[in-house]
Protein backbone atom coordinates (compact mmCIF):
# COMPACT_ATOMS: atom_id res chain seq x y z
CA MET A 1 -36.85 9.35 -21.42
CA LYS A 2 -33.43 8.18 -20.27
CA LYS A 3 -32.49 9.49 -16.86
CA LEU A 4 -28.92 9.50 -15.60
CA PHE A 5 -28.24 10.10 -11.92
CA LEU A 6 -24.63 10.59 -10.79
CA VAL A 7 -23.78 9.97 -7.15
CA MET A 8 -20.13 10.70 -6.39
CA ALA A 9 -20.08 10.63 -2.59
CA ALA A 10 -16.44 9.92 -1.70
CA SER A 11 -15.80 7.40 -4.47
CA LEU A 12 -17.54 9.23 -7.31
CA LEU A 13 -20.11 6.56 -8.13
CA LEU A 14 -22.22 6.82 -11.27
CA ALA A 15 -25.70 5.95 -10.10
CA SER A 16 -28.81 5.74 -12.28
CA CYS A 17 -29.70 5.97 -15.94
CA SER A 18 -33.23 5.36 -17.09
CA LYS A 19 -35.04 5.44 -20.41
CA LYS A 20 -38.78 5.95 -20.44
CA GLU A 21 -41.40 7.55 -22.65
CA GLY A 22 -42.35 10.91 -21.20
CA LEU A 23 -40.90 12.67 -18.19
CA THR A 24 -39.87 10.71 -15.12
CA SER A 25 -39.34 11.99 -11.62
CA VAL A 26 -35.96 12.01 -9.92
CA GLN A 27 -35.54 9.35 -7.28
CA PRO A 28 -35.52 11.04 -3.86
CA GLN A 29 -32.35 11.19 -1.82
CA GLY A 30 -32.28 8.37 0.71
CA SER A 31 -31.04 8.27 4.26
CA ALA A 32 -29.94 4.63 4.39
CA ASN A 33 -26.37 3.64 5.02
CA VAL A 34 -24.18 3.58 1.93
CA ASN A 35 -21.00 1.51 1.65
CA VAL A 36 -18.60 2.72 -1.01
CA HIS A 37 -15.62 0.57 -2.00
CA VAL A 38 -12.57 2.26 -3.47
CA ASP A 39 -9.67 -0.08 -4.22
CA GLU A 40 -8.16 -1.05 -0.83
CA PHE A 41 -10.68 0.51 1.54
CA SER A 42 -14.37 1.28 1.96
CA ILE A 43 -16.07 4.41 3.23
CA SER A 44 -19.36 4.20 5.11
CA VAL A 45 -21.71 7.15 4.64
CA ASP A 46 -24.68 7.24 7.00
CA THR A 47 -26.69 9.80 5.05
CA ILE A 48 -26.36 11.95 1.98
CA PRO A 49 -28.39 14.97 3.07
CA ASN A 50 -27.15 17.25 0.33
CA ARG A 51 -25.93 16.49 -3.17
CA ASP A 52 -23.52 19.42 -2.81
CA GLU A 53 -21.31 17.07 -0.78
CA ILE A 54 -19.85 15.70 -4.02
CA PRO A 55 -16.04 15.90 -3.56
CA THR A 56 -14.82 19.45 -4.01
CA VAL A 57 -12.12 18.50 -6.54
CA VAL A 58 -14.88 17.76 -9.07
CA LYS A 59 -16.04 21.09 -10.47
CA ALA A 60 -17.52 19.77 -13.71
CA ILE A 61 -19.14 16.59 -15.04
CA THR A 62 -19.36 15.73 -18.73
CA LEU A 63 -21.68 12.95 -19.87
CA ALA A 64 -21.65 11.68 -23.46
CA PHE A 65 -23.10 8.80 -25.47
CA TYR A 66 -21.51 7.61 -28.74
CA ASN A 67 -23.06 5.18 -31.21
CA THR A 68 -21.22 1.88 -31.03
CA ASP A 69 -21.52 1.18 -34.77
CA ASP A 70 -20.13 4.38 -36.27
CA GLY A 71 -18.82 6.36 -33.30
CA THR A 72 -21.08 9.34 -33.88
CA GLU A 73 -21.98 11.45 -30.88
CA GLN A 74 -25.59 10.96 -29.82
CA TYR A 75 -25.58 13.13 -26.70
CA LYS A 76 -23.18 15.29 -24.71
CA GLN A 77 -23.71 17.68 -21.83
CA THR A 78 -21.45 19.34 -19.29
CA GLN A 79 -22.48 20.61 -15.89
CA PHE A 80 -20.33 23.15 -14.05
CA LYS A 81 -20.81 23.20 -10.31
CA ASN A 82 -20.29 26.96 -10.05
CA ASP A 83 -22.81 27.67 -12.85
CA ALA A 84 -26.31 26.74 -11.69
CA SER A 85 -27.70 27.46 -15.16
CA THR A 86 -26.08 24.22 -16.41
CA TYR A 87 -28.04 21.91 -14.08
CA THR A 88 -31.03 21.57 -11.82
CA THR A 89 -29.24 19.23 -9.44
CA PHE A 90 -25.49 18.86 -9.93
CA GLY A 91 -24.75 15.35 -11.16
CA GLU A 92 -28.27 14.60 -12.47
CA PHE A 93 -28.98 14.28 -16.18
CA ASN A 94 -32.28 13.71 -18.02
CA LEU A 95 -32.12 12.66 -21.66
CA SER A 96 -33.74 10.55 -24.36
CA LEU A 97 -31.88 7.96 -26.44
CA PRO A 98 -33.19 6.05 -29.47
CA MET A 99 -32.94 2.29 -29.23
CA GLY A 100 -29.45 1.12 -30.09
CA SER A 101 -26.01 0.40 -28.67
CA TYR A 102 -23.89 3.17 -27.18
CA THR A 103 -20.61 3.80 -25.42
CA MET A 104 -21.23 6.01 -22.41
CA VAL A 105 -18.42 8.30 -21.23
CA VAL A 106 -18.52 10.15 -17.91
CA LEU A 107 -15.76 12.53 -16.87
CA GLY A 108 -15.53 14.33 -13.53
CA TYR A 109 -12.78 16.94 -13.28
CA GLY A 110 -11.49 20.16 -11.84
CA THR A 111 -11.68 23.39 -13.78
CA ILE A 112 -9.12 26.10 -14.45
CA GLU A 113 -10.01 29.28 -16.32
CA GLY A 114 -8.79 29.09 -19.92
CA CYS A 115 -8.12 25.34 -19.73
CA GLU A 116 -11.24 23.70 -21.16
CA LEU A 117 -11.61 19.92 -21.26
CA VAL A 118 -12.67 18.89 -24.78
CA LEU A 119 -14.15 15.39 -25.23
CA THR A 120 -14.40 14.19 -28.84
CA SER A 121 -14.80 10.40 -28.56
CA PRO A 122 -14.51 7.52 -26.08
CA ILE A 123 -10.78 7.42 -26.87
CA ALA A 124 -9.96 11.12 -27.23
CA ALA A 125 -10.12 14.03 -24.80
CA THR A 126 -7.75 16.88 -24.05
CA PHE A 127 -7.24 19.80 -21.72
CA THR A 128 -6.69 22.91 -23.79
CA GLY A 129 -4.59 25.75 -22.42
CA GLY A 130 -1.60 25.27 -20.17
CA HIS A 131 -2.92 23.04 -17.38
CA ALA A 132 -4.61 19.70 -16.80
CA SER A 133 -6.73 19.07 -13.69
CA GLU A 134 -7.84 16.29 -11.41
CA THR A 135 -9.69 13.87 -13.69
CA PHE A 136 -11.94 10.88 -13.01
CA ALA A 137 -13.40 8.73 -15.79
CA ALA A 138 -15.74 5.85 -16.55
CA THR A 139 -16.79 4.30 -19.86
CA GLN A 140 -19.41 1.63 -20.36
CA THR A 141 -21.47 -0.02 -23.10
CA VAL A 142 -25.18 0.81 -22.86
CA ASN A 143 -27.77 -1.11 -24.87
CA VAL A 144 -31.23 0.47 -25.21
CA VAL A 145 -33.51 -2.28 -26.51
CA THR A 146 -36.91 -1.29 -25.08
CA THR A 147 -38.62 1.81 -23.71
CA ASP A 148 -38.16 0.49 -20.17
CA ASP A 149 -35.88 2.23 -17.71
CA VAL A 150 -32.20 1.32 -17.94
CA ASN A 151 -30.19 1.49 -14.73
CA ILE A 152 -26.39 1.75 -14.81
CA SER A 153 -23.79 1.72 -12.08
CA ALA A 154 -20.12 2.50 -12.64
CA THR A 155 -17.22 3.90 -10.64
CA LEU A 156 -15.33 6.97 -11.78
CA ASN A 157 -11.63 6.27 -11.31
CA ARG A 158 -8.89 8.85 -11.00
CA ILE A 159 -6.73 8.58 -14.15
CA VAL A 160 -4.18 11.37 -13.70
CA SER A 161 -0.73 11.39 -12.16
CA LYS A 162 0.26 14.24 -9.85
CA LEU A 163 3.67 15.80 -9.22
CA GLN A 164 4.46 18.33 -6.51
CA VAL A 165 7.67 20.35 -6.28
CA ILE A 166 8.23 21.30 -2.63
CA SER A 167 11.03 23.67 -1.68
CA THR A 168 13.10 23.14 1.42
CA ASP A 169 14.43 26.68 1.09
CA GLY A 170 12.51 29.95 1.22
CA LYS A 171 11.15 31.76 -1.80
CA THR A 172 13.35 34.63 -2.94
CA ALA A 173 11.97 38.10 -3.64
CA ASN A 174 12.61 37.88 -7.38
CA ALA A 175 10.86 34.50 -7.82
CA SER A 176 7.51 34.80 -9.57
CA ARG A 177 6.57 31.54 -11.28
CA MET A 178 7.58 27.87 -11.31
CA GLN A 179 8.04 26.09 -14.64
CA MET A 180 8.02 22.28 -14.63
CA THR A 181 9.01 20.54 -17.87
CA PHE A 182 8.26 16.82 -18.30
CA SER A 183 10.05 14.64 -20.84
CA GLY A 184 6.95 12.46 -21.30
CA GLY A 185 3.22 12.35 -20.67
CA SER A 186 0.49 14.58 -22.08
CA ARG A 187 -2.61 16.68 -21.40
CA SER A 188 -4.51 14.52 -23.91
CA PHE A 189 -5.93 11.14 -22.93
CA SER A 190 -8.27 8.29 -23.77
CA PRO A 191 -11.26 8.13 -21.40
CA THR A 192 -11.49 4.40 -22.15
CA THR A 193 -7.94 3.47 -21.12
CA GLY A 194 -7.13 6.48 -18.94
CA LEU A 195 -3.76 6.73 -20.69
CA ALA A 196 -2.19 9.59 -22.62
CA THR A 197 -2.79 9.63 -26.36
CA ASP A 198 0.73 10.92 -26.98
CA ASN A 199 3.99 10.94 -25.03
CA SER A 200 5.43 14.27 -26.18
CA GLY A 201 5.80 15.74 -22.70
CA ILE A 202 4.35 18.93 -21.26
CA VAL A 203 5.44 22.24 -19.79
CA ASN A 204 3.42 23.47 -16.82
CA THR A 205 4.01 26.98 -15.44
CA VAL A 206 2.27 28.12 -12.27
CA ASN A 207 2.40 31.16 -10.03
CA ILE A 208 4.29 30.79 -6.75
CA GLY A 209 1.83 31.60 -4.01
CA ALA A 210 4.25 31.42 -1.08
CA ALA A 211 5.43 34.55 0.67
CA VAL A 212 9.05 35.65 0.42
CA GLY A 213 11.13 33.43 2.70
CA ALA A 214 8.45 30.72 2.94
CA HIS A 215 8.57 27.20 1.51
CA SER A 216 6.51 26.67 -1.66
CA THR A 217 4.57 23.82 -3.24
CA SER A 218 3.90 23.73 -7.00
CA THR A 219 1.64 21.10 -8.55
CA THR A 220 1.25 19.52 -11.99
CA TYR A 221 -1.32 17.00 -13.22
CA LEU A 222 -0.60 14.95 -16.34
CA PHE A 223 -1.63 11.78 -18.13
CA LEU A 224 0.89 8.98 -18.56
CA ALA A 225 1.51 6.79 -21.61
CA THR A 226 1.61 3.71 -19.34
CA ASP A 227 0.34 3.04 -15.85
CA GLU A 228 3.83 3.64 -14.48
CA GLN A 229 6.30 5.89 -16.24
CA THR A 230 9.76 7.24 -15.43
CA MET A 231 10.82 10.58 -16.89
CA THR A 232 13.03 13.62 -16.46
CA VAL A 233 11.56 16.71 -14.80
CA THR A 234 13.23 20.08 -15.29
CA ILE A 235 12.42 22.80 -12.76
CA ASP A 236 12.94 26.49 -13.52
CA VAL A 237 12.15 29.36 -11.18
CA LEU A 238 11.13 32.35 -13.29
CA ASP A 239 11.25 36.03 -12.45
CA SER A 240 8.59 38.56 -13.43
CA SER A 241 10.16 38.79 -16.91
CA GLU A 242 9.87 35.00 -17.38
CA GLU A 243 13.64 34.62 -17.18
CA SER A 244 15.01 31.55 -15.39
CA ILE A 245 16.80 32.43 -12.15
CA SER A 246 17.18 28.84 -10.92
CA HIS A 247 17.47 25.65 -12.98
CA LYS A 248 17.23 22.07 -11.69
CA VAL A 249 17.09 18.77 -13.61
CA VAL A 250 15.80 15.67 -11.84
CA THR A 251 16.19 12.40 -13.75
CA ASN A 252 14.44 9.06 -13.31
CA VAL A 253 11.37 10.51 -11.63
CA PRO A 254 8.80 7.71 -11.11
CA LEU A 255 5.19 8.63 -11.83
CA GLN A 256 2.08 6.48 -11.70
CA ARG A 257 -1.63 6.97 -12.35
CA ASN A 258 -3.62 7.75 -9.22
CA ARG A 259 -0.38 8.48 -7.39
CA CYS A 260 1.38 11.64 -6.25
CA THR A 261 5.14 12.03 -6.60
CA LYS A 262 6.82 14.73 -4.51
CA LEU A 263 10.14 16.30 -5.45
CA THR A 264 11.48 17.85 -2.26
CA GLY A 265 14.65 19.92 -2.17
CA SER A 266 16.41 23.24 -2.62
CA VAL A 267 14.62 25.16 -5.37
CA TYR A 268 15.65 28.79 -4.95
CA THR A 269 19.28 28.28 -3.94
CA ALA A 270 22.16 26.14 -5.18
CA GLY A 271 22.88 22.65 -3.89
CA GLY A 272 20.62 19.89 -2.74
CA SER A 273 20.85 16.12 -2.51
CA THR A 274 20.35 13.88 -5.52
CA ASN A 275 19.48 10.85 -3.39
CA PHE A 276 16.00 9.44 -3.93
CA THR A 277 13.69 7.99 -1.28
CA VAL A 278 10.20 6.60 -1.74
CA SER A 279 7.11 6.82 0.48
CA THR A 280 3.35 6.94 -0.17
CA ASP A 281 -0.01 9.02 -0.57
CA TRP A 282 -3.21 9.77 -2.77
CA LEU A 283 -3.39 6.22 -3.07
CA ASP A 284 0.41 6.21 -2.83
CA GLU A 285 2.78 9.14 -2.85
CA THR A 286 6.42 9.08 -3.93
CA VAL A 287 8.76 11.52 -2.16
CA ILE A 288 12.09 12.29 -3.83
CA PRO A 289 14.56 14.73 -2.23
CA PHE A 290 16.81 16.38 -4.81
């Protein structure tokens, strides 16, 4: 029996995978101090009293094993945090694998109704529907050579880029949705590289949740063809009939994996600066007034 135990406290760490004949018990939750290193900083967690403390952006976990020789899928399972019928303990998998060599793929991601994440191989996955979500990934070679337990540790890294359009003016009464068109990037990606598998661009349309007269923030997640990518972003405010009532084009927008770029400016009214400034968030965040 091969047992996989995912611990994603703060840094989304993949914890244990064991193979053993017959059923094995789940290792109890400990109360010892845990030091988690994520890039430039570490987070100290005194206790993990409840596995439900997995970061709230991760609503689903997909685990898959693919045969190294021919790429065939040996095992795949998805757990949805809001559907208790898909797991006993969220982030814990129990499975059996024949002896052999495998590529393990683990994806942690957000969920949006109608936008399923489809994983087909270690180098191909895509968000169907009109939206991508927060996505974390890890791939690793796993060799099962005996019936002894196999323990694996890996870190799930964020592989998406994030763009926010923030209005400095108030939402108008006839504004219903925000459409953001990207000249590059994709909703399809390779879990192994974390990069987009095409560079055709995407269109992301979201409802505007702000009240009339209030500032709004609209968000898009996408996968980039390279770690850093510059592209044109077109912003259209749509009315209830999906007609554009405001049109903005922002060129040379810098995007990067595991970074958030903010476009800040007048969205609902004419005018607005075209000067660009840069600051940081997420790991780093780029702020561009327009």
